[in-house]
Amino acid sequence: MKIPGTILSFLGGATATSLLFCGYLVWKTATVKIHRLTTPLQLSTEQASNGLLPVGTTLYYDTSFPEGFSRYKIYVNINRMSLELETLRDPTMIDPVDAIAFSQGALLKLLRNHPLTKNDLRAIVNFSYLSKDEIKEVLSEFTDGK
């Protein structure tokens, strides 16, 4: 039985189009949304609140939750240090670190306990949720306490 050329052309075109579309779906580049910090953020866990994400850190958007917070990822290079790895039985059970703007008390604690560059301090003060009076009080306590 002989198949007409128009049917073969149609089937060939449909197959090629399907393969191109499937290839696009498989190999398309995913859009990555990022945010670069313009002010340092305070890092905290249930055990401690003494970390700092510096200005310029790139945060890679992951997801948002109905509770009102969003989750971001950061990538950290560990240089010449072997870390012991363990298997996470339930990949949904992660223990995230919170990143928030500095409060008055947290800023004073940071100034007393950690080296802070002028640029980091300037960024915290300029983009802070603290009032001018709160900033003056923190700086006064810091300079009087030394």
N, C-alpha and C. Protein backbone atom coordinates (compact mmCIF):
# COMPACT_ATOMS: atom_id res chain seq x y z
N MET A 1 0.84 -1.17 0.00
CA MET A 1 0.00 0.00 0.00
C MET A 1 0.89 1.24 0.00
N LYS A 2 0.56 2.18 -0.82
CA LYS A 2 1.37 3.38 -0.96
C LYS A 2 0.71 4.53 -0.21
N ILE A 3 1.49 5.23 0.67
CA ILE A 3 0.97 6.35 1.45
C ILE A 3 1.26 7.62 0.67
N PRO A 4 0.24 8.48 0.50
CA PRO A 4 0.46 9.72 -0.25
C PRO A 4 1.53 10.60 0.40
N GLY A 5 2.25 11.34 -0.43
CA GLY A 5 3.34 12.21 0.03
C GLY A 5 2.90 13.28 1.00
N THR A 6 1.70 13.80 0.88
CA THR A 6 1.25 14.86 1.79
C THR A 6 1.07 14.33 3.20
N ILE A 7 0.61 13.08 3.32
CA ILE A 7 0.46 12.49 4.66
C ILE A 7 1.83 12.27 5.29
N LEU A 8 2.79 11.76 4.50
CA LEU A 8 4.14 11.56 5.02
C LEU A 8 4.78 12.89 5.42
N SER A 9 4.57 13.90 4.62
CA SER A 9 5.10 15.22 4.96
C SER A 9 4.49 15.75 6.26
N PHE A 10 3.19 15.57 6.41
CA PHE A 10 2.51 16.01 7.63
C PHE A 10 3.04 15.26 8.84
N LEU A 11 3.15 13.92 8.74
CA LEU A 11 3.65 13.13 9.87
C LEU A 11 5.09 13.49 10.21
N GLY A 12 5.92 13.71 9.19
CA GLY A 12 7.30 14.11 9.43
C GLY A 12 7.39 15.46 10.12
N GLY A 13 6.59 16.42 9.67
CA GLY A 13 6.57 17.74 10.28
C GLY A 13 6.06 17.70 11.71
N ALA A 14 4.99 16.91 11.94
CA ALA A 14 4.44 16.79 13.29
C ALA A 14 5.46 16.15 14.23
N THR A 15 6.18 15.14 13.76
CA THR A 15 7.19 14.47 14.59
C THR A 15 8.33 15.43 14.91
N ALA A 16 8.80 16.15 13.91
CA ALA A 16 9.90 17.11 14.13
C ALA A 16 9.48 18.20 15.11
N THR A 17 8.27 18.72 14.95
CA THR A 17 7.77 19.76 15.85
C THR A 17 7.66 19.23 17.27
N SER A 18 7.15 18.01 17.42
CA SER A 18 7.03 17.40 18.76
C SER A 18 8.39 17.24 19.41
N LEU A 19 9.37 16.77 18.64
CA LEU A 19 10.72 16.59 19.19
C LEU A 19 11.33 17.93 19.60
N LEU A 20 11.15 18.95 18.78
CA LEU A 20 11.68 20.27 19.13
C LEU A 20 11.01 20.82 20.40
N PHE A 21 9.70 20.66 20.51
CA PHE A 21 8.98 21.14 21.69
C PHE A 21 9.42 20.39 22.94
N CYS A 22 9.54 19.07 22.85
CA CYS A 22 9.99 18.28 24.01
C CYS A 22 11.42 18.67 24.40
N GLY A 23 12.27 18.89 23.40
CA GLY A 23 13.64 19.32 23.68
C GLY A 23 13.67 20.66 24.38
N TYR A 24 12.80 21.57 23.96
CA TYR A 24 12.71 22.87 24.62
C TYR A 24 12.31 22.72 26.08
N LEU A 25 11.32 21.88 26.34
CA LEU A 25 10.86 21.68 27.72
C LEU A 25 11.94 21.07 28.59
N VAL A 26 12.71 20.15 28.04
CA VAL A 26 13.74 19.46 28.81
C VAL A 26 14.97 20.34 29.02
N TRP A 27 15.39 21.05 27.98
CA TRP A 27 16.66 21.77 28.05
C TRP A 27 16.52 23.27 28.22
N LYS A 28 15.32 23.77 28.41
CA LYS A 28 15.18 25.22 28.54
C LYS A 28 15.89 25.70 29.81
N THR A 29 16.40 26.88 29.76
CA THR A 29 17.09 27.42 30.93
C THR A 29 16.04 27.98 31.89
N ALA A 30 16.17 27.61 33.13
CA ALA A 30 15.23 28.08 34.15
C ALA A 30 15.56 29.53 34.51
N THR A 31 14.54 30.33 34.70
CA THR A 31 14.74 31.71 35.12
C THR A 31 15.06 31.71 36.61
N VAL A 32 16.16 32.33 36.96
CA VAL A 32 16.58 32.41 38.36
C VAL A 32 16.40 33.85 38.83
N LYS A 33 15.63 34.02 39.90
CA LYS A 33 15.43 35.36 40.46
C LYS A 33 16.36 35.52 41.65
N ILE A 34 17.04 36.67 41.70
CA ILE A 34 18.01 36.90 42.78
C ILE A 34 17.77 38.27 43.40
N HIS A 35 18.35 38.45 44.58
CA HIS A 35 18.39 39.75 45.24
C HIS A 35 19.80 39.92 45.80
N ARG A 36 20.42 41.06 45.54
CA ARG A 36 21.73 41.36 46.12
C ARG A 36 21.50 42.32 47.29
N LEU A 37 22.02 41.94 48.44
CA LEU A 37 21.81 42.74 49.65
C LEU A 37 22.46 44.11 49.53
N THR A 38 21.70 45.14 49.88
CA THR A 38 22.23 46.50 49.93
C THR A 38 22.50 46.93 51.37
N THR A 39 22.08 46.11 52.31
CA THR A 39 22.34 46.34 53.73
C THR A 39 22.57 44.99 54.39
N PRO A 40 23.45 44.91 55.37
CA PRO A 40 23.66 43.64 56.06
C PRO A 40 22.38 43.17 56.76
N LEU A 41 22.23 41.87 56.89
CA LEU A 41 21.11 41.30 57.63
C LEU A 41 21.65 40.48 58.79
N GLN A 42 20.92 40.50 59.89
CA GLN A 42 21.28 39.72 61.07
C GLN A 42 20.81 38.29 60.87
N LEU A 43 21.69 37.33 61.14
CA LEU A 43 21.34 35.92 61.05
C LEU A 43 21.06 35.39 62.45
N SER A 44 20.02 34.57 62.56
CA SER A 44 19.72 34.01 63.87
C SER A 44 19.10 32.63 63.72
N THR A 45 19.34 31.81 64.74
CA THR A 45 18.72 30.50 64.87
C THR A 45 18.07 30.45 66.24
N GLU A 46 17.50 29.31 66.57
CA GLU A 46 16.91 29.19 67.91
C GLU A 46 17.98 29.24 68.99
N GLN A 47 19.21 28.84 68.66
CA GLN A 47 20.29 28.78 69.64
C GLN A 47 21.08 30.08 69.75
N ALA A 48 21.23 30.81 68.66
CA ALA A 48 22.10 31.98 68.69
C ALA A 48 21.62 33.04 67.70
N SER A 49 22.05 34.27 67.97
CA SER A 49 21.71 35.39 67.09
C SER A 49 22.93 36.28 66.97
N ASN A 50 23.94 35.79 66.26
CA ASN A 50 25.16 36.57 66.20
C ASN A 50 25.83 36.55 64.83
N GLY A 51 25.10 36.20 63.80
CA GLY A 51 25.69 36.16 62.47
C GLY A 51 25.33 37.38 61.65
N LEU A 52 25.99 37.51 60.51
CA LEU A 52 25.79 38.67 59.65
C LEU A 52 25.94 38.24 58.20
N LEU A 53 24.95 38.58 57.39
CA LEU A 53 25.07 38.43 55.93
C LEU A 53 25.53 39.79 55.41
N PRO A 54 26.70 39.86 54.78
CA PRO A 54 27.24 41.16 54.38
C PRO A 54 26.56 41.75 53.14
N VAL A 55 26.77 43.05 52.96
CA VAL A 55 26.30 43.75 51.77
C VAL A 55 26.86 43.04 50.53
N GLY A 56 26.05 42.92 49.50
CA GLY A 56 26.50 42.30 48.26
C GLY A 56 26.23 40.81 48.17
N THR A 57 25.81 40.19 49.28
CA THR A 57 25.49 38.76 49.24
C THR A 57 24.33 38.54 48.27
N THR A 58 24.47 37.54 47.41
CA THR A 58 23.41 37.22 46.46
C THR A 58 22.49 36.18 47.07
N LEU A 59 21.21 36.52 47.14
CA LEU A 59 20.18 35.61 47.62
C LEU A 59 19.42 35.08 46.41
N TYR A 60 19.31 33.76 46.31
CA TYR A 60 18.61 33.12 45.20
C TYR A 60 17.21 32.74 45.66
N TYR A 61 16.19 33.33 45.04
CA TYR A 61 14.81 33.11 45.45
C TYR A 61 14.45 31.64 45.29
N ASP A 62 13.79 31.08 46.31
CA ASP A 62 13.34 29.69 46.28
C ASP A 62 11.82 29.62 46.24
N THR A 63 11.17 30.09 47.31
CA THR A 63 9.71 30.01 47.38
C THR A 63 9.17 30.97 48.43
N SER A 64 7.88 31.25 48.36
CA SER A 64 7.21 32.07 49.38
C SER A 64 6.17 31.22 50.08
N PHE A 65 5.89 31.56 51.33
CA PHE A 65 4.95 30.80 52.13
C PHE A 65 3.77 31.68 52.53
N PRO A 66 2.59 31.07 52.73
CA PRO A 66 1.41 31.85 53.11
C PRO A 66 1.56 32.54 54.46
N GLU A 67 2.49 32.08 55.28
CA GLU A 67 2.70 32.69 56.60
C GLU A 67 3.34 34.07 56.48
N GLY A 68 3.82 34.44 55.28
CA GLY A 68 4.35 35.78 55.08
C GLY A 68 5.85 35.87 54.93
N PHE A 69 6.55 34.76 54.87
CA PHE A 69 8.00 34.84 54.68
C PHE A 69 8.38 34.14 53.38
N SER A 70 9.54 34.51 52.86
CA SER A 70 10.07 33.90 51.64
C SER A 70 11.36 33.18 51.97
N ARG A 71 11.67 32.15 51.21
CA ARG A 71 12.89 31.39 51.42
C ARG A 71 13.84 31.67 50.26
N TYR A 72 15.08 31.94 50.62
CA TYR A 72 16.14 32.18 49.65
C TYR A 72 17.28 31.20 49.93
N LYS A 73 18.10 30.97 48.94
CA LYS A 73 19.29 30.13 49.10
C LYS A 73 20.52 31.01 48.91
N ILE A 74 21.59 30.66 49.61
CA ILE A 74 22.89 31.26 49.34
C ILE A 74 23.86 30.11 49.09
N TYR A 75 24.88 30.39 48.33
CA TYR A 75 25.89 29.38 48.05
C TYR A 75 27.16 29.78 48.77
N VAL A 76 27.74 28.81 49.48
CA VAL A 76 28.92 29.04 50.30
C VAL A 76 30.03 28.12 49.80
N ASN A 77 31.19 28.68 49.52
CA ASN A 77 32.35 27.87 49.16
C ASN A 77 33.11 27.53 50.44
N ILE A 78 33.32 26.26 50.66
CA ILE A 78 34.12 25.78 51.79
C ILE A 78 35.47 25.40 51.22
N ASN A 79 36.51 26.09 51.63
CA ASN A 79 37.82 25.92 51.02
C ASN A 79 38.72 25.04 51.87
N ARG A 80 39.15 23.94 51.30
CA ARG A 80 40.13 23.03 51.92
C ARG A 80 39.71 22.58 53.31
N MET A 81 38.45 22.27 53.45
CA MET A 81 37.96 21.81 54.75
C MET A 81 36.93 20.72 54.49
N SER A 82 37.20 19.55 54.96
CA SER A 82 36.30 18.43 54.75
C SER A 82 35.17 18.47 55.78
N LEU A 83 33.95 18.44 55.31
CA LEU A 83 32.80 18.44 56.20
C LEU A 83 32.14 17.07 56.19
N GLU A 84 31.76 16.60 57.36
CA GLU A 84 31.07 15.31 57.45
C GLU A 84 29.63 15.48 56.97
N LEU A 85 29.23 14.65 56.02
CA LEU A 85 27.89 14.72 55.46
C LEU A 85 27.02 13.62 56.03
N GLU A 86 25.75 13.89 56.16
CA GLU A 86 24.80 12.88 56.60
C GLU A 86 23.61 12.89 55.65
N THR A 87 22.88 11.80 55.62
CA THR A 87 21.72 11.69 54.74
C THR A 87 20.50 12.24 55.46
N LEU A 88 19.79 13.12 54.80
CA LEU A 88 18.57 13.69 55.34
C LEU A 88 17.42 12.79 54.93
N ARG A 89 16.80 12.14 55.90
CA ARG A 89 15.76 11.16 55.59
C ARG A 89 14.53 11.80 54.97
N ASP A 90 14.15 12.96 55.45
CA ASP A 90 12.99 13.67 54.90
C ASP A 90 13.48 15.01 54.37
N PRO A 91 13.60 15.16 53.05
CA PRO A 91 14.15 16.40 52.49
C PRO A 91 13.29 17.63 52.75
N THR A 92 12.06 17.45 53.21
CA THR A 92 11.22 18.62 53.52
C THR A 92 11.50 19.15 54.92
N MET A 93 12.21 18.40 55.74
CA MET A 93 12.50 18.82 57.11
C MET A 93 13.85 19.55 57.16
N ILE A 94 13.82 20.81 56.78
CA ILE A 94 15.04 21.61 56.83
C ILE A 94 14.96 22.56 58.01
N ASP A 95 16.10 23.01 58.45
CA ASP A 95 16.19 23.91 59.60
C ASP A 95 16.78 25.24 59.13
N PRO A 96 15.94 26.15 58.64
CA PRO A 96 16.47 27.38 58.06
C PRO A 96 16.99 28.35 59.11
N VAL A 97 17.87 29.23 58.67
CA VAL A 97 18.38 30.33 59.47
C VAL A 97 17.54 31.55 59.12
N ASP A 98 17.16 32.34 60.12
CA ASP A 98 16.39 33.56 59.87
C ASP A 98 17.32 34.72 59.59
N ALA A 99 16.95 35.57 58.65
CA ALA A 99 17.70 36.79 58.34
C ALA A 99 16.74 37.96 58.47
N ILE A 100 17.09 38.91 59.36
CA ILE A 100 16.21 40.05 59.63
C ILE A 100 17.04 41.34 59.69
N ALA A 101 16.34 42.46 59.59
CA ALA A 101 17.00 43.76 59.77
C ALA A 101 17.44 43.88 61.23
N PHE A 102 18.48 44.66 61.47
CA PHE A 102 19.02 44.79 62.82
C PHE A 102 18.11 45.63 63.70
N SER A 103 17.89 45.13 64.91
CA SER A 103 17.18 45.91 65.93
C SER A 103 18.22 46.73 66.69
N GLN A 104 17.75 47.60 67.58
CA GLN A 104 18.66 48.44 68.36
C GLN A 104 19.60 47.57 69.20
N GLY A 105 19.06 46.61 69.92
CA GLY A 105 19.88 45.74 70.76
C GLY A 105 20.84 44.88 69.96
N ALA A 106 20.37 44.37 68.83
CA ALA A 106 21.22 43.53 67.99
C ALA A 106 22.37 44.32 67.40
N LEU A 107 22.10 45.57 67.03
CA LEU A 107 23.16 46.42 66.48
C LEU A 107 24.22 46.71 67.53
N LEU A 108 23.80 47.00 68.76
CA LEU A 108 24.75 47.26 69.84
C LEU A 108 25.58 46.02 70.12
N LYS A 109 24.94 44.85 70.16
CA LYS A 109 25.65 43.58 70.38
C LYS A 109 26.66 43.34 69.26
N LEU A 110 26.26 43.62 68.03
CA LEU A 110 27.15 43.43 66.89
C LEU A 110 28.37 44.35 66.99
N LEU A 111 28.15 45.61 67.33
CA LEU A 111 29.26 46.56 67.46
C LEU A 111 30.24 46.13 68.55
N ARG A 112 29.73 45.57 69.63
CA ARG A 112 30.60 45.18 70.75
C ARG A 112 31.36 43.88 70.49
N ASN A 113 30.76 42.96 69.74
CA ASN A 113 31.32 41.61 69.65
C ASN A 113 31.93 41.23 68.31
N HIS A 114 31.73 42.01 67.28
CA HIS A 114 32.21 41.63 65.96
C HIS A 114 32.90 42.80 65.27
N PRO A 115 33.94 42.50 64.51
CA PRO A 115 34.52 43.58 63.70
C PRO A 115 33.52 43.97 62.62
N LEU A 116 33.34 45.24 62.43
CA LEU A 116 32.36 45.74 61.47
C LEU A 116 33.02 46.84 60.66
N THR A 117 32.94 46.76 59.36
CA THR A 117 33.55 47.80 58.52
C THR A 117 32.69 49.06 58.56
N LYS A 118 33.31 50.18 58.22
CA LYS A 118 32.55 51.44 58.15
C LYS A 118 31.44 51.33 57.12
N ASN A 119 31.72 50.65 56.01
CA ASN A 119 30.70 50.50 54.96
C ASN A 119 29.51 49.68 55.45
N ASP A 120 29.79 48.60 56.21
CA ASP A 120 28.68 47.80 56.76
C ASP A 120 27.85 48.62 57.74
N LEU A 121 28.53 49.35 58.63
CA LEU A 121 27.82 50.18 59.60
C LEU A 121 27.00 51.26 58.89
N ARG A 122 27.60 51.88 57.89
CA ARG A 122 26.89 52.92 57.12
C ARG A 122 25.64 52.32 56.46
N ALA A 123 25.76 51.13 55.89
CA ALA A 123 24.62 50.50 55.22
C ALA A 123 23.52 50.15 56.23
N ILE A 124 23.91 49.65 57.41
CA ILE A 124 22.91 49.32 58.44
C ILE A 124 22.18 50.58 58.88
N VAL A 125 22.92 51.65 59.12
CA VAL A 125 22.32 52.90 59.59
C VAL A 125 21.44 53.53 58.51
N ASN A 126 21.92 53.55 57.27
CA ASN A 126 21.17 54.19 56.19
C ASN A 126 19.90 53.44 55.81
N PHE A 127 19.92 52.12 55.86
CA PHE A 127 18.78 51.33 55.43
C PHE A 127 18.06 50.67 56.61
N SER A 128 18.31 51.16 57.79
CA SER A 128 17.79 50.53 58.99
C SER A 128 16.34 50.92 59.26
N TYR A 129 15.70 50.09 60.04
CA TYR A 129 14.35 50.40 60.53
C TYR A 129 14.42 51.18 61.83
N LEU A 130 15.63 51.50 62.25
CA LEU A 130 15.81 52.24 63.50
C LEU A 130 15.62 53.73 63.26
N SER A 131 15.09 54.40 64.26
CA SER A 131 14.95 55.86 64.17
C SER A 131 16.31 56.52 64.43
N LYS A 132 16.42 57.79 64.13
CA LYS A 132 17.67 58.52 64.36
C LYS A 132 18.02 58.52 65.84
N ASP A 133 17.01 58.66 66.70
CA ASP A 133 17.25 58.65 68.14
C ASP A 133 17.79 57.29 68.60
N GLU A 134 17.24 56.21 68.06
CA GLU A 134 17.73 54.87 68.43
C GLU A 134 19.17 54.67 67.96
N ILE A 135 19.49 55.17 66.78
CA ILE A 135 20.86 55.06 66.27
C ILE A 135 21.82 55.86 67.14
N LYS A 136 21.42 57.08 67.53
CA LYS A 136 22.25 57.90 68.42
C LYS A 136 22.48 57.18 69.75
N GLU A 137 21.43 56.58 70.28
CA GLU A 137 21.53 55.86 71.56
C GLU A 137 22.50 54.68 71.45
N VAL A 138 22.41 53.93 70.37
CA VAL A 138 23.30 52.78 70.17
C VAL A 138 24.75 53.26 70.08
N LEU A 139 25.00 54.28 69.28
CA LEU A 139 26.37 54.78 69.13
C LEU A 139 26.89 55.38 70.42
N SER A 140 26.03 56.04 71.19
CA SER A 140 26.43 56.60 72.47
C SER A 140 26.80 55.48 73.45
N GLU A 141 25.96 54.45 73.53
CA GLU A 141 26.25 53.32 74.42
C GLU A 141 27.53 52.62 74.00
N PHE A 142 27.73 52.49 72.69
CA PHE A 142 28.92 51.81 72.19
C PHE A 142 30.18 52.60 72.54
N THR A 143 30.18 53.89 72.31
CA THR A 143 31.38 54.69 72.59
C THR A 143 31.61 54.86 74.08
N ASP A 144 30.54 54.95 74.88
CA ASP A 144 30.70 55.07 76.34
C ASP A 144 31.15 53.76 76.95
N GLY A 145 30.78 52.65 76.35
CA GLY A 145 31.11 51.34 76.90
C GLY A 145 32.53 50.91 76.63
N LYS A 146 33.25 51.63 75.78
CA LYS A 146 34.62 51.22 75.44
C LYS A 146 35.65 51.90 76.28
